[in-house]
N, C-alpha and C. Protein backbone atom coordinates (compact mmCIF):
# COMPACT_ATOMS: atom_id res chain seq x y z
N MET A 1 0.82 -1.19 0.00
CA MET A 1 0.00 0.00 0.00
C MET A 1 0.86 1.26 0.00
N ASP A 2 2.06 1.16 0.54
CA ASP A 2 2.95 2.32 0.58
C ASP A 2 3.31 2.79 -0.82
N PHE A 3 3.45 1.85 -1.77
CA PHE A 3 3.76 2.19 -3.15
C PHE A 3 2.69 3.10 -3.74
N TRP A 4 1.43 2.75 -3.52
CA TRP A 4 0.33 3.54 -4.10
C TRP A 4 0.25 4.92 -3.46
N ASN A 5 0.52 5.02 -2.17
CA ASN A 5 0.54 6.32 -1.51
C ASN A 5 1.65 7.20 -2.07
N THR A 6 2.82 6.61 -2.27
CA THR A 6 3.93 7.35 -2.82
C THR A 6 3.64 7.78 -4.25
N LEU A 7 3.08 6.88 -5.04
CA LEU A 7 2.74 7.20 -6.42
C LEU A 7 1.70 8.32 -6.49
N LEU A 8 0.71 8.26 -5.64
CA LEU A 8 -0.32 9.30 -5.61
C LEU A 8 0.27 10.63 -5.15
N ALA A 9 1.16 10.60 -4.19
CA ALA A 9 1.82 11.83 -3.73
C ALA A 9 2.68 12.42 -4.84
N ALA A 10 3.38 11.58 -5.59
CA ALA A 10 4.20 12.06 -6.71
C ALA A 10 3.32 12.67 -7.79
N PHE A 11 2.19 12.05 -8.07
CA PHE A 11 1.26 12.57 -9.07
C PHE A 11 0.69 13.92 -8.63
N ALA A 12 0.34 14.02 -7.36
CA ALA A 12 -0.19 15.28 -6.82
C ALA A 12 0.86 16.38 -6.91
N LEU A 13 2.10 16.08 -6.56
CA LEU A 13 3.17 17.05 -6.64
C LEU A 13 3.40 17.49 -8.09
N MET A 14 3.33 16.55 -9.02
CA MET A 14 3.48 16.88 -10.44
C MET A 14 2.40 17.87 -10.86
N LEU A 15 1.15 17.65 -10.43
CA LEU A 15 0.06 18.56 -10.78
C LEU A 15 0.28 19.95 -10.20
N VAL A 16 0.77 20.00 -8.97
CA VAL A 16 1.06 21.30 -8.35
C VAL A 16 2.14 22.03 -9.14
N LEU A 17 3.23 21.34 -9.46
CA LEU A 17 4.32 21.96 -10.20
C LEU A 17 3.90 22.38 -11.60
N GLU A 18 3.07 21.56 -12.25
CA GLU A 18 2.58 21.90 -13.58
C GLU A 18 1.69 23.13 -13.55
N GLY A 19 1.03 23.38 -12.44
CA GLY A 19 0.11 24.51 -12.34
C GLY A 19 0.75 25.82 -11.93
N VAL A 20 2.00 25.78 -11.49
CA VAL A 20 2.65 27.00 -10.99
C VAL A 20 2.79 28.06 -12.09
N LEU A 21 3.35 27.70 -13.24
CA LEU A 21 3.59 28.69 -14.28
C LEU A 21 2.30 29.27 -14.85
N PRO A 22 1.28 28.46 -15.18
CA PRO A 22 0.04 29.07 -15.66
C PRO A 22 -0.61 29.99 -14.62
N PHE A 23 -0.42 29.70 -13.35
CA PHE A 23 -1.00 30.53 -12.30
C PHE A 23 -0.24 31.85 -12.15
N ILE A 24 1.11 31.76 -12.14
CA ILE A 24 1.93 32.94 -11.90
C ILE A 24 2.05 33.82 -13.16
N ALA A 25 2.27 33.18 -14.31
CA ALA A 25 2.50 33.94 -15.55
C ALA A 25 1.74 33.29 -16.70
N PRO A 26 0.43 33.49 -16.76
CA PRO A 26 -0.36 32.80 -17.79
C PRO A 26 0.04 33.18 -19.22
N GLN A 27 0.40 34.44 -19.45
CA GLN A 27 0.77 34.84 -20.81
C GLN A 27 2.08 34.16 -21.24
N LEU A 28 3.06 34.11 -20.35
CA LEU A 28 4.32 33.43 -20.65
C LEU A 28 4.07 31.95 -20.90
N TRP A 29 3.21 31.33 -20.09
CA TRP A 29 2.89 29.92 -20.27
C TRP A 29 2.24 29.70 -21.63
N ARG A 30 1.32 30.57 -22.02
CA ARG A 30 0.63 30.44 -23.30
C ARG A 30 1.61 30.57 -24.46
N GLU A 31 2.51 31.57 -24.39
CA GLU A 31 3.50 31.76 -25.46
C GLU A 31 4.44 30.56 -25.56
N THR A 32 4.87 30.06 -24.42
CA THR A 32 5.75 28.89 -24.41
C THR A 32 5.04 27.68 -24.99
N PHE A 33 3.80 27.48 -24.63
CA PHE A 33 3.02 26.35 -25.13
C PHE A 33 2.85 26.46 -26.65
N MET A 34 2.58 27.67 -27.14
CA MET A 34 2.40 27.86 -28.59
C MET A 34 3.71 27.56 -29.34
N ARG A 35 4.85 27.95 -28.75
CA ARG A 35 6.14 27.63 -29.38
C ARG A 35 6.37 26.13 -29.40
N MET A 36 5.99 25.45 -28.33
CA MET A 36 6.19 23.99 -28.29
C MET A 36 5.30 23.28 -29.30
N VAL A 37 4.10 23.77 -29.50
CA VAL A 37 3.19 23.17 -30.48
C VAL A 37 3.77 23.28 -31.88
N ALA A 38 4.52 24.33 -32.14
CA ALA A 38 5.09 24.54 -33.46
C ALA A 38 6.36 23.72 -33.71
N LEU A 39 6.92 23.11 -32.66
CA LEU A 39 8.15 22.32 -32.84
C LEU A 39 7.87 21.05 -33.63
N PRO A 40 8.86 20.60 -34.41
CA PRO A 40 8.71 19.32 -35.10
C PRO A 40 8.61 18.16 -34.08
N GLU A 41 8.03 17.07 -34.53
CA GLU A 41 7.80 15.92 -33.64
C GLU A 41 9.10 15.39 -33.05
N HIS A 42 10.16 15.32 -33.85
CA HIS A 42 11.41 14.76 -33.33
C HIS A 42 11.99 15.62 -32.20
N GLN A 43 11.80 16.93 -32.26
CA GLN A 43 12.29 17.78 -31.17
C GLN A 43 11.46 17.60 -29.91
N LEU A 44 10.15 17.44 -30.07
CA LEU A 44 9.29 17.19 -28.91
C LEU A 44 9.65 15.86 -28.25
N ARG A 45 9.92 14.85 -29.08
CA ARG A 45 10.32 13.55 -28.53
C ARG A 45 11.64 13.66 -27.77
N PHE A 46 12.58 14.43 -28.31
CA PHE A 46 13.87 14.61 -27.64
C PHE A 46 13.69 15.33 -26.30
N ILE A 47 12.85 16.35 -26.28
CA ILE A 47 12.57 17.08 -25.03
C ILE A 47 11.93 16.13 -24.02
N GLY A 48 10.96 15.31 -24.47
CA GLY A 48 10.32 14.35 -23.57
C GLY A 48 11.29 13.32 -23.04
N LEU A 49 12.14 12.79 -23.91
CA LEU A 49 13.13 11.79 -23.49
C LEU A 49 14.12 12.39 -22.50
N THR A 50 14.59 13.59 -22.79
CA THR A 50 15.52 14.26 -21.89
C THR A 50 14.88 14.49 -20.53
N SER A 51 13.64 14.91 -20.53
CA SER A 51 12.92 15.14 -19.28
C SER A 51 12.79 13.84 -18.47
N MET A 52 12.46 12.75 -19.14
CA MET A 52 12.33 11.46 -18.45
C MET A 52 13.67 11.01 -17.87
N ILE A 53 14.75 11.16 -18.64
CA ILE A 53 16.07 10.74 -18.17
C ILE A 53 16.49 11.56 -16.96
N VAL A 54 16.29 12.87 -17.02
CA VAL A 54 16.64 13.73 -15.89
C VAL A 54 15.80 13.35 -14.67
N GLY A 55 14.52 13.05 -14.87
CA GLY A 55 13.66 12.64 -13.76
C GLY A 55 14.11 11.35 -13.12
N VAL A 56 14.47 10.37 -13.94
CA VAL A 56 14.94 9.08 -13.41
C VAL A 56 16.25 9.26 -12.65
N LEU A 57 17.18 10.04 -13.22
CA LEU A 57 18.45 10.28 -12.53
C LEU A 57 18.23 11.02 -11.22
N LEU A 58 17.31 11.96 -11.20
CA LEU A 58 17.00 12.68 -9.97
C LEU A 58 16.40 11.73 -8.93
N LEU A 59 15.55 10.82 -9.35
CA LEU A 59 14.97 9.83 -8.42
C LEU A 59 16.07 8.95 -7.82
N PHE A 60 16.99 8.47 -8.66
CA PHE A 60 18.09 7.65 -8.15
C PHE A 60 18.95 8.44 -7.18
N TRP A 61 19.20 9.71 -7.48
CA TRP A 61 20.03 10.54 -6.63
C TRP A 61 19.35 10.79 -5.28
N VAL A 62 18.05 11.01 -5.30
CA VAL A 62 17.31 11.29 -4.05
C VAL A 62 17.21 10.03 -3.20
N HIS A 63 17.01 8.89 -3.82
CA HIS A 63 16.87 7.65 -3.06
C HIS A 63 18.20 6.95 -3.00
């Protein structure tokens, strides 16, 4: 049961962090989102992969 609590806490924290920029600077968030939509698919995939790798490395470092 501890796994599910940790997973739910991580998901909740992700939602909080995702909401910070639209709350604080909605215009900047909108402009950034529009630029990302215009990126080619291979660049979006690279950004996603890089983000996942950094996240996994951060998890290993923390634990």
